[in-house]
Protein backbone atom coordinates (compact mmCIF):
# COMPACT_ATOMS: atom_id res chain seq x y z
CA MET A 1 -34.95 8.86 11.56
CA SER A 2 -32.18 6.43 10.47
CA ALA A 3 -28.75 6.44 12.10
CA ALA A 4 -27.23 7.80 8.87
CA GLN A 5 -29.69 10.71 8.51
CA PRO A 6 -27.73 13.24 10.63
CA GLY A 7 -24.63 12.52 8.56
CA LEU A 8 -26.55 13.02 5.32
CA ASP A 9 -28.02 16.28 6.62
CA ARG A 10 -24.53 17.56 7.44
CA LEU A 11 -23.34 16.52 3.97
CA ARG A 12 -26.16 18.51 2.32
CA GLY A 13 -25.22 21.51 4.44
CA ALA A 14 -21.55 21.21 3.50
CA LEU A 15 -22.42 20.97 -0.21
CA ALA A 16 -24.61 24.06 0.04
CA SER A 17 -21.96 26.15 1.83
CA THR A 18 -18.84 24.92 0.00
CA PRO A 19 -19.19 24.96 -3.82
CA PRO A 20 -15.85 23.25 -4.59
CA LEU A 21 -16.95 20.22 -2.57
CA TRP A 22 -19.29 19.23 -5.43
CA TRP A 23 -16.40 19.04 -7.88
CA ALA A 24 -14.09 17.34 -5.37
CA LEU A 25 -16.69 14.64 -4.71
CA LEU A 26 -17.29 14.09 -8.43
CA TYR A 27 -13.52 14.01 -9.08
CA PHE A 28 -12.79 11.36 -6.44
CA PHE A 29 -15.89 9.35 -7.30
CA CYS A 30 -14.96 9.13 -11.00
CA LEU A 31 -11.29 8.47 -10.20
CA LEU A 32 -11.93 5.48 -7.93
CA CYS A 33 -14.85 4.25 -10.01
CA GLY A 34 -12.57 4.22 -13.05
CA TYR A 35 -9.86 2.39 -11.12
CA TYR A 36 -12.22 -0.21 -9.70
CA VAL A 37 -13.60 -0.91 -13.17
CA LEU A 38 -10.02 -1.94 -14.02
CA ARG A 39 -9.11 -3.71 -10.79
CA PRO A 40 -10.95 -7.01 -11.46
CA VAL A 41 -9.15 -7.23 -14.81
CA ARG A 42 -5.83 -6.67 -13.03
CA ASP A 43 -6.60 -9.17 -10.27
CA ALA A 44 -7.42 -11.82 -12.86
CA MET A 45 -3.92 -11.35 -14.27
CA GLY A 46 -2.30 -11.62 -10.83
CA ALA A 47 -4.29 -14.72 -9.87
CA SER A 48 -3.41 -16.65 -13.03
CA ASN A 49 -1.21 -19.74 -12.72
CA ASP A 50 -0.64 -19.76 -16.47
CA ALA A 51 2.53 -17.75 -17.02
CA ALA A 52 1.94 -17.67 -20.78
CA THR A 53 -1.20 -15.56 -20.33
CA VAL A 54 0.61 -12.98 -18.19
CA PHE A 55 4.28 -12.70 -19.18
CA PRO A 56 6.01 -12.17 -22.52
CA HIS A 57 7.43 -15.35 -24.07
CA ALA A 58 10.98 -13.97 -23.87
CA LEU A 59 10.71 -13.44 -20.09
CA ILE A 60 9.33 -16.96 -19.58
CA GLN A 61 12.21 -18.44 -21.58
CA TRP A 62 14.76 -16.34 -19.67
CA ALA A 63 13.36 -17.54 -16.33
CA GLN A 64 13.41 -21.17 -17.48
CA SER A 65 17.01 -20.83 -18.59
CA HIS A 66 17.85 -19.76 -15.01
CA GLY A 67 15.92 -22.61 -13.41
CA TRP A 68 12.76 -20.63 -12.51
CA GLN A 69 9.15 -21.41 -13.28
CA LEU A 70 7.37 -18.07 -13.41
CA LYS A 71 4.01 -19.70 -12.64
CA ASP A 72 5.33 -20.28 -9.10
CA PHE A 73 6.26 -16.60 -8.64
CA VAL A 74 3.51 -14.70 -10.47
CA LEU A 75 2.75 -12.15 -7.72
CA GLN A 76 6.38 -11.79 -6.67
CA ALA A 77 7.43 -11.10 -10.27
CA LEU A 78 4.58 -8.66 -10.84
CA PHE A 79 5.29 -6.76 -7.60
CA THR A 80 8.99 -6.58 -8.50
CA CYS A 81 8.19 -5.17 -11.95
CA THR A 82 5.77 -2.68 -10.36
CA PHE A 83 8.46 -1.39 -8.00
CA VAL A 84 10.97 -1.01 -10.84
CA ALA A 85 8.37 0.95 -12.84
CA MET A 86 7.67 3.23 -9.85
CA ILE A 87 11.37 4.04 -9.44
CA ALA A 88 11.77 4.66 -13.16
CA LEU A 89 8.75 6.99 -13.35
CA GLN A 90 9.54 9.01 -10.21
CA PRO A 91 12.07 11.27 -12.01
CA LEU A 92 9.56 11.83 -14.84
CA TYR A 93 6.87 12.93 -12.39
CA GLY A 94 9.43 15.10 -10.59
CA ALA A 95 10.38 16.75 -13.89
CA LEU A 96 6.72 17.49 -14.69
CA VAL A 97 6.16 19.07 -11.27
CA ALA A 98 9.42 21.05 -11.39
CA ARG A 99 9.11 22.44 -14.93
CA PHE A 100 5.41 22.91 -15.59
CA PRO A 101 2.70 24.88 -13.74
CA ARG A 102 -0.22 23.09 -12.09
CA ARG A 103 -2.64 24.02 -14.88
CA VAL A 104 -0.40 22.05 -17.27
CA PHE A 105 0.95 19.03 -15.41
CA LEU A 106 -2.28 17.97 -13.67
CA PRO A 107 -4.27 17.51 -16.90
CA VAL A 108 -1.17 16.06 -18.59
CA VAL A 109 -0.89 13.29 -15.96
CA TYR A 110 -4.49 12.23 -16.52
CA ALA A 111 -4.24 12.64 -20.30
CA LEU A 112 -1.29 10.24 -20.29
CA PHE A 113 -3.35 7.69 -18.36
CA ILE A 114 -6.22 8.03 -20.85
CA VAL A 115 -3.84 7.51 -23.79
CA CYS A 116 -2.44 4.40 -22.08
CA LEU A 117 -5.96 3.00 -21.66
CA LEU A 118 -6.60 3.48 -25.37
CA GLY A 119 -3.37 1.62 -26.07
CA PHE A 120 -4.38 -1.25 -23.79
CA HIS A 121 -7.76 -1.37 -25.51
CA TRP A 122 -5.93 -2.11 -28.75
CA ALA A 123 -3.54 -4.60 -27.08
CA PHE A 124 -6.38 -6.61 -25.53
CA HIS A 125 -8.26 -6.73 -28.83
CA ALA A 126 -5.10 -7.78 -30.69
CA GLY A 127 -4.08 -10.38 -28.07
CA VAL A 128 -0.56 -8.93 -27.69
CA PRO A 129 1.68 -11.32 -25.68
CA GLY A 130 2.73 -10.01 -22.26
CA ARG A 131 -0.16 -7.58 -22.03
CA GLY A 132 -1.16 -9.07 -18.66
CA MET A 133 2.12 -8.13 -16.95
CA VAL A 134 2.22 -4.65 -18.48
CA PHE A 135 -1.41 -3.98 -17.59
CA PHE A 136 -0.96 -5.21 -13.99
CA VAL A 137 2.05 -2.95 -13.48
CA TRP A 138 0.42 0.02 -15.20
CA THR A 139 -2.76 -0.30 -13.12
CA ALA A 140 -0.76 -0.21 -9.88
CA VAL A 141 1.17 2.84 -11.11
CA PHE A 142 -2.04 4.54 -12.21
CA ASN A 143 -3.74 3.95 -8.86
CA LEU A 144 -0.93 5.42 -6.78
CA PHE A 145 0.05 8.37 -8.98
CA ALA A 146 -3.54 9.41 -9.85
CA VAL A 147 -4.73 9.25 -6.23
CA THR A 148 -1.58 11.03 -5.01
CA VAL A 149 -2.15 13.87 -7.48
CA PHE A 150 -5.79 14.08 -6.38
CA TRP A 151 -5.00 14.59 -2.69
CA SER A 152 -2.16 17.00 -3.50
CA TYR A 153 -4.64 19.11 -5.45
CA MET A 154 -7.19 18.96 -2.63
CA ALA A 155 -4.53 20.42 -0.31
CA ASP A 156 -4.33 23.38 -2.73
CA VAL A 157 -8.11 23.85 -2.80
CA PHE A 158 -9.00 23.44 0.91
CA ASP A 159 -7.33 24.80 4.04
CA ASP A 160 -6.72 22.88 7.27
CA ARG A 161 -10.07 23.55 8.93
CA GLN A 162 -11.98 22.81 5.77
CA ALA A 163 -10.02 19.60 5.28
CA ARG A 164 -10.95 18.38 8.78
CA ARG A 165 -14.58 19.22 8.03
CA LEU A 166 -14.79 17.91 4.46
CA TYR A 167 -12.22 15.17 3.82
CA GLY A 168 -14.45 12.52 5.37
CA TYR A 169 -17.15 13.39 2.85
CA ILE A 170 -14.67 13.43 -0.04
CA GLY A 171 -13.39 10.04 1.07
CA ALA A 172 -16.96 8.75 1.14
CA GLY A 173 -17.39 9.94 -2.45
CA GLY A 174 -14.37 7.89 -3.42
CA THR A 175 -15.69 4.88 -1.51
CA ALA A 176 -18.99 5.16 -3.40
CA GLY A 177 -16.98 5.04 -6.62
CA ALA A 178 -15.13 1.99 -5.30
CA VAL A 179 -18.51 0.29 -4.73
CA ILE A 180 -20.01 1.18 -8.11
CA GLY A 181 -16.87 0.45 -10.18
CA PRO A 182 -16.85 -3.34 -9.60
CA ALA A 183 -20.63 -3.40 -10.08
CA LEU A 184 -20.17 -1.74 -13.48
CA THR A 185 -17.60 -4.37 -14.37
CA GLN A 186 -19.97 -7.19 -13.43
CA TRP A 187 -22.82 -5.65 -15.46
CA LEU A 188 -20.79 -4.69 -18.52
CA VAL A 189 -18.08 -7.32 -18.92
CA GLN A 190 -20.35 -9.80 -20.72
CA PRO A 191 -22.07 -7.44 -23.19
CA LEU A 192 -18.99 -5.25 -23.79
CA GLY A 193 -16.05 -7.59 -23.26
CA VAL A 194 -12.88 -6.97 -21.22
CA ALA A 195 -11.19 -4.69 -23.76
CA ASN A 196 -14.14 -2.27 -23.97
CA LEU A 197 -14.22 -1.92 -20.17
CA LEU A 198 -11.03 0.08 -20.57
CA LEU A 199 -12.95 2.68 -22.57
CA VAL A 200 -15.44 3.02 -19.70
CA SER A 201 -12.55 3.81 -17.37
CA ALA A 202 -11.10 6.28 -19.89
CA ALA A 203 -14.44 8.13 -20.02
CA LEU A 204 -14.50 8.42 -16.22
CA LEU A 205 -10.95 9.83 -16.23
CA SER A 206 -12.06 12.43 -18.77
CA VAL A 207 -14.58 13.67 -16.19
CA CYS A 208 -11.67 13.95 -13.72
CA VAL A 209 -9.91 16.35 -16.11
CA LEU A 210 -13.07 18.48 -16.22
CA CYS A 211 -13.14 18.57 -12.40
CA ILE A 212 -9.48 19.66 -12.30
CA VAL A 213 -10.31 22.61 -14.55
CA ARG A 214 -13.40 23.59 -12.54
CA LEU A 215 -11.53 23.43 -9.21
CA ARG A 216 -8.65 25.59 -10.42
CA PRO A 217 -10.27 28.97 -9.56
CA TYR A 218 -10.77 27.86 -5.95
CA ALA A 219 -7.13 26.82 -5.62
CA ILE A 220 -6.05 30.20 -6.99
CA ALA A 221 -8.46 32.05 -4.68
CA ARG A 222 -7.21 30.26 -1.60
CA ALA A 223 -3.56 30.96 -2.42
CA GLN A 224 -4.17 34.62 -3.24
CA ALA A 225 -6.25 35.21 -0.11
CA GLN A 226 -3.35 33.93 1.98
CA GLY A 227 -0.80 36.00 0.07
CA LEU A 228 0.83 32.87 -1.34
CA ASP A 229 1.99 31.89 -4.80
CA SER A 230 -1.09 31.10 -6.90
CA GLY A 231 0.25 27.69 -7.84
CA GLU A 232 0.18 28.69 -11.52
CA ALA A 233 3.97 28.93 -11.76
CA ALA A 234 6.29 25.96 -12.04
CA MET A 235 7.82 24.92 -8.72
CA GLY A 236 11.32 24.37 -10.07
CA GLY A 237 13.94 22.39 -8.25
CA SER A 238 15.50 18.99 -8.88
CA VAL A 239 13.48 16.03 -10.13
CA TRP A 240 14.80 14.18 -7.06
CA ALA A 241 13.74 16.93 -4.65
CA GLY A 242 10.96 14.74 -3.21
CA LEU A 243 13.46 12.26 -1.76
CA LYS A 244 15.39 15.10 -0.14
CA LEU A 245 12.21 16.57 1.35
CA VAL A 246 11.19 13.22 2.89
CA TRP A 247 14.63 12.84 4.42
CA GLU A 248 14.84 16.40 5.78
CA LYS A 249 11.31 17.14 7.05
CA PRO A 250 10.34 15.34 10.28
CA VAL A 251 6.63 15.05 9.47
CA LEU A 252 7.28 13.61 5.99
CA ARG A 253 9.85 11.24 7.43
CA ALA A 254 7.35 10.10 10.06
CA MET A 255 4.72 9.56 7.37
CA ALA A 256 7.16 7.45 5.36
CA VAL A 257 7.97 5.26 8.37
CA THR A 258 4.29 4.85 9.22
CA LEU A 259 3.41 3.94 5.65
CA PHE A 260 6.22 1.37 5.58
CA PHE A 261 4.81 -0.52 8.55
CA SER A 262 1.17 0.02 7.50
CA VAL A 263 1.71 -1.39 4.02
CA GLY A 264 3.87 -4.16 5.47
CA ALA A 265 1.12 -5.26 7.85
CA ALA A 266 -1.50 -5.10 5.10
CA THR A 267 0.69 -7.13 2.72
CA LEU A 268 1.31 -9.84 5.30
CA LEU A 269 -2.41 -10.05 6.02
CA TYR A 270 -3.37 -10.04 2.33
CA ASN A 271 -0.94 -12.81 1.37
CA GLN A 272 -1.82 -15.01 4.34
CA GLN A 273 -5.50 -14.47 3.68
CA ALA A 274 -4.94 -15.79 0.14
CA ALA A 275 -3.16 -18.86 1.52
CA ILE A 276 -5.95 -19.57 4.03
CA ALA A 277 -8.61 -19.04 1.35
CA ARG A 278 -6.89 -21.61 -0.88
CA GLU A 279 -7.02 -24.11 2.00
CA PHE A 280 -10.62 -23.53 3.13
CA TYR A 281 -12.21 -22.50 -0.20
CA PRO A 282 -10.63 -24.74 -2.84
CA THR A 283 -13.03 -23.86 -5.67
CA ALA A 284 -12.89 -20.59 -7.59
CA GLU A 285 -16.57 -19.91 -6.90
CA ALA A 286 -16.23 -20.34 -3.13
CA ALA A 287 -13.09 -18.19 -2.99
CA THR A 288 -14.74 -15.48 -5.08
CA ARG A 289 -17.72 -15.33 -2.72
CA TYR A 290 -15.37 -15.12 0.28
CA PHE A 291 -13.40 -12.20 -1.20
CA ALA A 292 -16.57 -10.49 -2.44
CA ARG A 293 -18.07 -10.53 1.06
CA ILE A 294 -14.88 -8.97 2.42
CA ASP A 295 -14.89 -6.19 -0.22
CA SER A 296 -18.55 -5.44 0.44
CA ALA A 297 -18.02 -5.26 4.20
CA VAL A 298 -14.95 -3.03 3.79
CA ASN A 299 -16.78 -0.55 1.59
CA LEU A 300 -19.89 -0.48 3.78
CA LEU A 301 -17.96 0.07 7.01
CA ALA A 302 -15.70 2.64 5.38
CA ILE A 303 -18.50 4.78 3.97
CA LEU A 304 -20.45 4.71 7.26
CA THR A 305 -17.31 5.71 9.17
CA GLN A 306 -16.56 8.51 6.70
CA LEU A 307 -20.08 9.92 6.96
CA LEU A 308 -20.65 9.51 10.69
CA LEU A 309 -17.28 9.51 12.48
CA THR A 310 -14.36 10.95 10.48
CA ARG A 311 -15.54 14.56 10.35
CA TRP A 312 -16.48 14.63 14.04
CA LEU A 313 -13.23 12.97 15.08
CA LEU A 314 -10.95 15.30 13.08
CA ASN A 315 -12.85 18.42 14.15
CA ARG A 316 -13.20 17.54 17.82
CA HIS A 317 -9.95 15.69 18.56
CA GLY A 318 -7.60 16.48 15.66
CA VAL A 319 -5.59 13.89 13.74
CA ALA A 320 -4.21 11.88 16.67
CA PRO A 321 -7.09 9.40 17.23
CA ALA A 322 -7.60 8.84 13.49
CA LEU A 323 -3.90 8.12 13.02
CA LEU A 324 -3.51 5.85 16.06
CA MET A 325 -6.71 3.79 15.92
CA PRO A 326 -5.82 1.70 12.82
CA GLY A 327 -2.49 0.54 14.28
CA LEU A 328 -4.00 -0.30 17.66
CA THR A 329 -6.81 -2.20 15.91
CA LEU A 330 -4.27 -4.22 13.92
CA LEU A 331 -2.28 -5.00 17.07
CA LEU A 332 -5.37 -6.52 18.63
CA GLY A 333 -6.38 -8.22 15.39
CA PHE A 334 -3.05 -9.93 14.76
CA GLY A 335 -2.98 -11.04 18.39
CA LEU A 336 -6.38 -12.68 17.97
CA LEU A 337 -5.29 -14.29 14.70
CA MET A 338 -2.33 -15.93 16.42
CA ALA A 339 -4.84 -17.66 18.69
CA SER A 340 -7.53 -18.37 16.08
CA PRO A 341 -6.37 -18.21 12.42
CA VAL A 342 -9.72 -19.22 10.92
CA PRO A 343 -11.11 -17.63 7.73
CA VAL A 344 -13.88 -15.68 9.46
CA MET A 345 -11.40 -14.09 11.87
CA VAL A 346 -9.02 -13.25 9.02
CA ALA A 347 -11.93 -11.65 7.18
CA ILE A 348 -12.91 -9.56 10.24
CA VAL A 349 -9.35 -8.26 10.72
CA GLN A 350 -9.02 -7.56 6.99
CA VAL A 351 -12.26 -5.55 7.01
CA LEU A 352 -11.18 -3.54 10.06
CA GLN A 353 -7.69 -2.91 8.63
CA ARG A 354 -8.79 -1.73 5.21
CA SER A 355 -11.82 0.29 6.34
CA SER A 356 -9.88 2.09 9.11
CA GLU A 357 -7.11 2.94 6.63
CA PHE A 358 -9.56 4.34 4.07
CA ALA A 359 -11.87 6.12 6.51
CA LEU A 360 -9.54 7.32 9.29
CA ALA A 361 -5.79 7.17 8.64
CA LYS A 362 -5.88 8.36 5.03
CA PRO A 363 -8.06 11.48 5.63
CA ALA A 364 -5.99 12.35 8.72
CA ARG A 365 -2.71 12.17 6.80
CA GLU A 366 -4.11 14.13 3.86
CA THR A 367 -5.37 16.85 6.21
CA LEU A 368 -1.80 17.51 7.31
CA TYR A 369 -0.69 18.28 3.76
CA THR A 370 -2.92 21.39 3.77
CA ARG A 371 -0.46 22.88 6.28
CA MET A 372 2.64 22.13 4.20
CA ASP A 373 4.23 23.97 1.28
CA ARG A 374 3.50 22.94 -2.29
CA PRO A 375 6.79 21.07 -2.88
CA SER A 376 5.94 18.86 0.11
CA ARG A 377 2.40 18.32 -1.20
CA TYR A 378 3.43 17.34 -4.71
CA LYS A 379 7.03 16.13 -4.56
CA GLY A 380 7.48 14.71 -1.05
CA LYS A 381 4.01 13.19 -1.02
CA ALA A 382 4.57 11.52 -4.40
CA VAL A 383 7.73 9.79 -3.14
CA ILE A 384 5.91 8.48 -0.05
CA ASP A 385 2.79 7.35 -1.88
CA THR A 386 4.55 5.71 -4.83
CA ALA A 387 8.17 4.65 -4.40
CA ILE A 388 8.01 3.95 -0.66
CA PHE A 389 4.56 2.33 -0.93
CA ARG A 390 5.55 -0.05 -3.72
CA GLY A 391 9.01 -0.65 -2.26
CA THR A 392 7.37 -1.83 0.95
CA ASP A 393 4.91 -3.96 -1.03
CA LEU A 394 7.82 -5.61 -2.80
CA ALA A 395 9.80 -6.19 0.38
CA PHE A 396 6.92 -7.72 2.33
CA VAL A 397 5.63 -9.96 -0.46
CA TRP A 398 9.03 -11.70 -0.31
CA ILE A 399 9.20 -11.49 3.51
CA HIS A 400 5.86 -13.27 3.69
CA LYS A 401 7.10 -16.04 1.42
CA GLY A 402 10.02 -16.62 3.82
CA VAL A 403 8.13 -16.26 7.11
CA ALA A 404 5.29 -18.49 5.86
CA LEU A 405 7.75 -21.40 5.82
CA PHE A 406 7.47 -21.37 9.63
CA GLY A 407 3.67 -21.53 9.59
CA THR A 408 0.63 -19.30 9.85
CA GLN A 409 1.29 -18.23 13.44
CA ALA A 410 4.75 -16.98 12.48
CA VAL A 411 3.18 -14.73 9.85
CA PHE A 412 0.72 -13.28 12.35
CA ALA A 413 3.51 -12.81 14.91
CA ALA A 414 5.38 -10.78 12.28
CA GLY A 415 2.12 -8.89 11.80
CA VAL A 416 2.07 -7.95 15.49
CA LEU A 417 5.56 -6.45 15.12
CA THR A 418 4.62 -4.45 12.01
CA ALA A 419 1.41 -3.20 13.66
CA ALA A 420 3.48 -2.04 16.64
CA GLY A 421 5.82 -0.21 14.25
CA MET A 422 2.82 1.33 12.51
CA THR A 423 1.43 2.60 15.83
CA ALA A 424 4.79 4.03 16.86
CA GLY A 425 5.09 5.73 13.47
CA ALA A 426 1.62 7.24 13.82
CA TRP A 427 2.59 8.68 17.20
CA SER A 428 5.70 10.21 15.61
CA ILE A 429 3.43 11.92 13.03
CA VAL A 430 1.27 13.30 15.84
CA ARG A 431 4.36 14.78 17.50
CA ALA A 432 5.95 16.09 14.30
CA GLN A 433 2.78 17.79 12.99
CA ARG A 434 2.73 20.08 16.02
CA GLY A 435 5.54 22.00 14.37
CA LEU A 436 3.57 22.67 11.19
CA PRO A 437 2.14 26.16 10.62
CA GLY A 438 -1.57 26.91 10.88
CA ALA A 439 -2.43 24.36 13.56
CA HIS A 440 -5.00 26.67 15.14
CA SER A 441 -6.10 28.68 12.11
CA SER A 442 -9.57 30.06 12.58
CA SER A 443 -10.11 30.93 8.92
CA ASP A 444 -12.71 28.64 7.45
CA THR A 445 -14.05 30.72 4.64
CA ILE A 446 -11.14 31.23 2.26
CA SER A 447 -12.17 28.59 -0.28
CA ASP A 448 -15.85 28.49 0.59
CA ARG A 449 -16.67 31.58 -1.36
CA GLN A 450 -17.46 31.56 -5.04
CA PRO A 451 -14.47 32.71 -7.13
CA ALA A 452 -14.88 36.17 -8.55
CA ARG A 453 -15.11 36.65 -12.27
CA GLY A 454 -11.69 36.72 -13.86
CA GLU A 455 -9.96 34.65 -11.16
CA SER A 456 -9.74 31.61 -13.41
């Protein structure tokens, strides 16, 4: 019997006993597969040194008139535009959540993304100037908002005990999509062309809308069984309510602080990895192989962890180990990089950082949202996962540019500090979540049952 067989047996048992798990797995698989079909197209835009292929002519001329060459600040400019877009869209998302019921705004969010993909399909075919910048920004917005909405919805469908039992499997479904998406791009880009890849992603998002509809009866059943609002009414409140919730609620505030340091550490590592790759792998082919090996190792380690460790860890020991292990791993990793900043060591730390975030920290954080009210799940979570995430990205991409002037070791020393902040933030989540309701709920069957006729 292989080492993975017990995990696969448990997965088959979970699928048999929990009908909504099928739709949740399909939902997350199609969502991340659709995103990872797009990601290579986005990365090609971000890696370009030709500003004319990325930015509108007017923006290039404006930068030149102010003494800037945009080709020297491609990533910094794109990250800045992404953050501005996140801030601008946050009130729109807040208005959707406040004014429309779940059955309306969830499909609407994905329908808007599908319409945008159809628009990009036309823009790529027509060769519209500036499409690279707009597509890069849109893809980052799509990734964060679509994934945030997914996990918010899962917190409506599954309760705390189910989340600890099932979120590892759901995460593995998403990781499988993240593996297959780039493979689809490699297979299809030559026969279909870049523009038509966007239609492949749009088709996968259409399946996500179907999954939203099929999961709705289970979300209603769970809410009604607990005597709660069914989630079919609009939540109301201000479009800026998410910011207020993050400020006022200790557990949301702790999550925001942890995400700040987590994203900061990842951004420092990502940017320095790119600099080291340029030094040791000067050709595009060699650099591509280096990054491809890292992506493959991340996905393999993540899916094994999700199948074999995450469920056991969350069920047996709660969220604390899963939240703390990534930060402690990064502390050790950055310390080793200060002593030996060679490409293979950078790759090892990058694999450990990304896989532990996907397989441990993310499921642990999402589990906690099952014990919060719906405004916290949809409004507070959206602020943390979008505005704070991209704001941190923006801050640290510029911080790296400044710290890197003092050398590679200075960057990794800054990484040690951010990893320490990440670990301290994770501990603050562990402490704050003790005040959430339902910590020791024994009910594990609320959403497992089939919905009765008429519940939809």
